[in-house]
Protein backbone atom coordinates (compact mmCIF):
# COMPACT_ATOMS: atom_id res chain seq x y z
CA VAL A 1 2.13 -17.24 19.19
CA GLN A 2 1.35 -13.53 19.70
CA LEU A 3 1.21 -10.82 17.08
CA GLN A 4 1.09 -7.24 18.20
CA ALA A 5 0.36 -4.65 15.46
CA SER A 6 0.86 -1.00 15.81
CA GLY A 7 1.33 2.24 13.73
CA GLY A 8 -2.04 3.02 12.39
CA GLY A 9 -3.61 6.43 12.50
CA LEU A 10 -5.24 9.12 10.52
CA VAL A 11 -3.39 10.50 7.47
CA GLN A 12 -4.39 12.64 4.50
CA ALA A 13 -4.53 11.10 1.12
CA GLY A 14 -1.10 10.95 -0.58
CA GLY A 15 0.56 10.59 2.80
CA SER A 16 2.49 7.72 4.34
CA LEU A 17 2.39 5.39 7.44
CA ARG A 18 4.48 2.54 8.58
CA LEU A 19 2.76 -0.30 10.50
CA SER A 20 4.68 -2.68 12.73
CA CYS A 21 3.93 -6.20 14.04
CA ALA A 22 5.94 -7.56 16.81
CA ALA A 23 5.84 -11.25 17.03
CA SER A 24 6.60 -13.68 20.01
CA GLY A 25 6.17 -17.37 20.82
CA MET A 26 7.34 -18.38 17.41
CA HIS A 27 10.43 -18.99 15.22
CA PHE A 28 9.80 -15.71 13.54
CA SER A 29 12.76 -15.94 10.98
CA ILE A 30 11.44 -19.21 9.37
CA ASN A 31 7.86 -18.17 8.90
CA THR A 32 6.05 -16.49 6.07
CA MET A 33 4.44 -13.33 7.35
CA ASN A 34 1.38 -11.49 5.91
CA TRP A 35 -0.55 -8.22 6.07
CA HIS A 36 -4.27 -8.18 5.56
CA ARG A 37 -6.84 -5.53 5.70
CA GLN A 38 -10.54 -5.29 6.17
CA ALA A 39 -12.58 -2.27 5.09
CA PRO A 40 -16.01 -1.58 6.59
CA GLY A 41 -18.50 -3.86 4.93
CA LYS A 42 -15.94 -5.80 2.94
CA GLN A 43 -14.14 -9.18 3.23
CA ARG A 44 -10.69 -9.27 4.63
CA GLU A 45 -8.07 -9.19 1.86
CA LEU A 46 -4.51 -10.20 1.69
CA VAL A 47 -2.33 -7.12 0.98
CA ALA A 48 1.19 -8.35 1.17
CA THR A 49 3.28 -11.42 1.94
CA ILE A 50 7.02 -11.91 2.72
CA THR A 51 8.66 -15.29 2.87
CA SER A 52 11.40 -16.38 5.29
CA SER A 53 13.97 -15.51 2.53
CA GLY A 54 12.57 -12.10 2.12
CA ARG A 55 10.63 -12.47 -1.12
CA ALA A 56 7.66 -10.25 -1.37
CA ASN A 57 4.32 -10.30 -3.04
CA TYR A 58 1.64 -7.76 -3.12
CA ALA A 59 -1.98 -7.29 -4.05
CA ASP A 60 -2.34 -5.41 -7.31
CA SER A 61 -4.04 -2.55 -5.44
CA VAL A 62 -1.02 -1.70 -3.44
CA LYS A 63 1.89 -2.63 -5.85
CA GLY A 64 4.29 0.23 -6.16
CA ARG A 65 2.97 1.94 -3.01
CA PHE A 66 3.37 -0.46 -0.18
CA THR A 67 6.45 -2.27 0.90
CA ILE A 68 6.52 -5.19 3.27
CA SER A 69 9.74 -5.97 5.13
CA ARG A 70 10.88 -7.87 8.25
CA ASP A 71 13.68 -7.58 10.86
CA ASN A 72 14.33 -11.11 12.05
CA VAL A 73 16.60 -9.85 14.84
CA LYS A 74 13.80 -7.70 16.30
CA ARG A 75 11.18 -10.22 15.25
CA THR A 76 9.08 -7.46 13.66
CA LEU A 77 7.23 -7.26 10.51
CA TYR A 78 6.66 -3.90 8.78
CA LEU A 79 4.40 -2.44 6.14
CA GLN A 80 5.48 0.93 4.78
CA MET A 81 2.62 2.53 3.10
CA THR A 82 3.00 5.58 0.80
CA SER A 83 0.75 7.51 -1.67
CA LEU A 84 -2.20 6.42 0.48
CA LYS A 85 -5.64 6.51 -1.02
CA LEU A 86 -9.06 6.85 0.53
CA GLU A 87 -9.62 3.22 -0.40
CA ASP A 88 -6.76 2.12 1.70
CA THR A 89 -8.87 2.93 4.79
CA ALA A 90 -9.22 -0.27 6.79
CA VAL A 91 -8.20 -2.22 9.83
CA TYR A 92 -4.87 -3.79 9.06
CA TYR A 93 -3.87 -7.19 10.50
CA CYS A 94 -0.66 -9.16 10.56
CA ASN A 95 -0.80 -12.80 10.25
CA THR A 96 1.05 -16.00 10.00
CA TYR A 97 0.14 -19.66 9.53
CA ILE A 98 1.68 -22.20 11.84
CA GLN A 99 -0.52 -25.23 11.79
CA ARG A 100 -3.32 -22.71 11.92
CA ASP A 101 -3.78 -18.92 11.44
CA TYR A 102 -2.60 -16.54 13.94
CA TRP A 103 -3.77 -12.90 13.85
CA GLY A 104 -2.71 -9.72 15.44
CA GLN A 105 -5.28 -7.55 16.92
CA GLY A 106 -5.45 -5.04 14.06
CA THR A 107 -4.51 -1.46 13.75
CA GLN A 108 -6.84 1.10 12.17
CA VAL A 109 -5.71 3.13 9.16
CA THR A 110 -7.96 6.01 8.10
CA VAL A 111 -7.14 8.03 5.03
CA SER A 112 -8.87 11.38 4.67
CA SER A 113 -9.39 13.66 1.76
């Protein structure tokens, strides 16, 4: 299983970014996929989850601002982030669990004032 995250960058507060996570070596369409993030000095936290049927759940801190989605044909997971806040600054990781956790390499999102 390989997960390749991309799309991070520097954005001003209030702006938007879309993260992508390309998956390979797995039956992408049948697996729940997740986005996590880790800010400096903090524990990694779950941001959003999407099931194989497309049902999504979000951390309270991002509800109404972030949208998780998936394209099973492209085997790609997305995280559309809008109304970004300074506290969204973190390294974002895509993740799935298939007998064990698999993680992408992380993509840095920095929100500036």
